[in-house]
Amino acid sequence: MNLNKVILIGRVASIPEMRTTPSGQNVTSFRMATNRNWVDKSGQKQEQTEFHGIVLWGKLAEIASRFLTSGSLTMIEGRLQTRSWQDNAGTTRYRTEIIGERLQLGPKSAKQSQPSANKETPEAATPNPSPTLTEEIPIIEDEEEIDIKDIPF
């Protein structure tokens, strides 16, 4: 039996960019950061951040481009896929990405959860304080950007 399954819970590290293929299919891509924390042999806390390329198609692409922003907490479930292409110099390039098959949005930030003014209940007048996102995720840019013309779809 074979299984190609990825589940990531992390923060969006770049603004999701939605495009449309020549056939009319929506596709959104963005970077996602996940952290790993541990204590080393000397008792020092360590942290390592990994960045992942995420690609979503169809309705998921539309939802992601509409609701995800840089720093948003989200869960992506999908599969790994490696694609290759020839750059302008004739060199074969490879990129491994996560093709999302399921998306779960994280909690809304304080800016997104403002109560609407037309609610008449007393609870709506004093909204529950929600934690704001104070953790900053550094955005790491690839040294060589991929030209959209080089993508084979």
Foldseek 3Di string as FASTA:
>chain_A
DDDFKDKDWFFFAAQWDWDADPVGKIKIKGKTKDKDWDADPVRDIDMDIDIAIEMEIHPVSVVCNVPHGGGWIKMFMFGKDKDWFADPVRDIDIDIHGYGPDIDGDDDAPVVPQADPPDDDPCNVPDDDDDHDPDHDHRDDDPDDDDPVGDPD
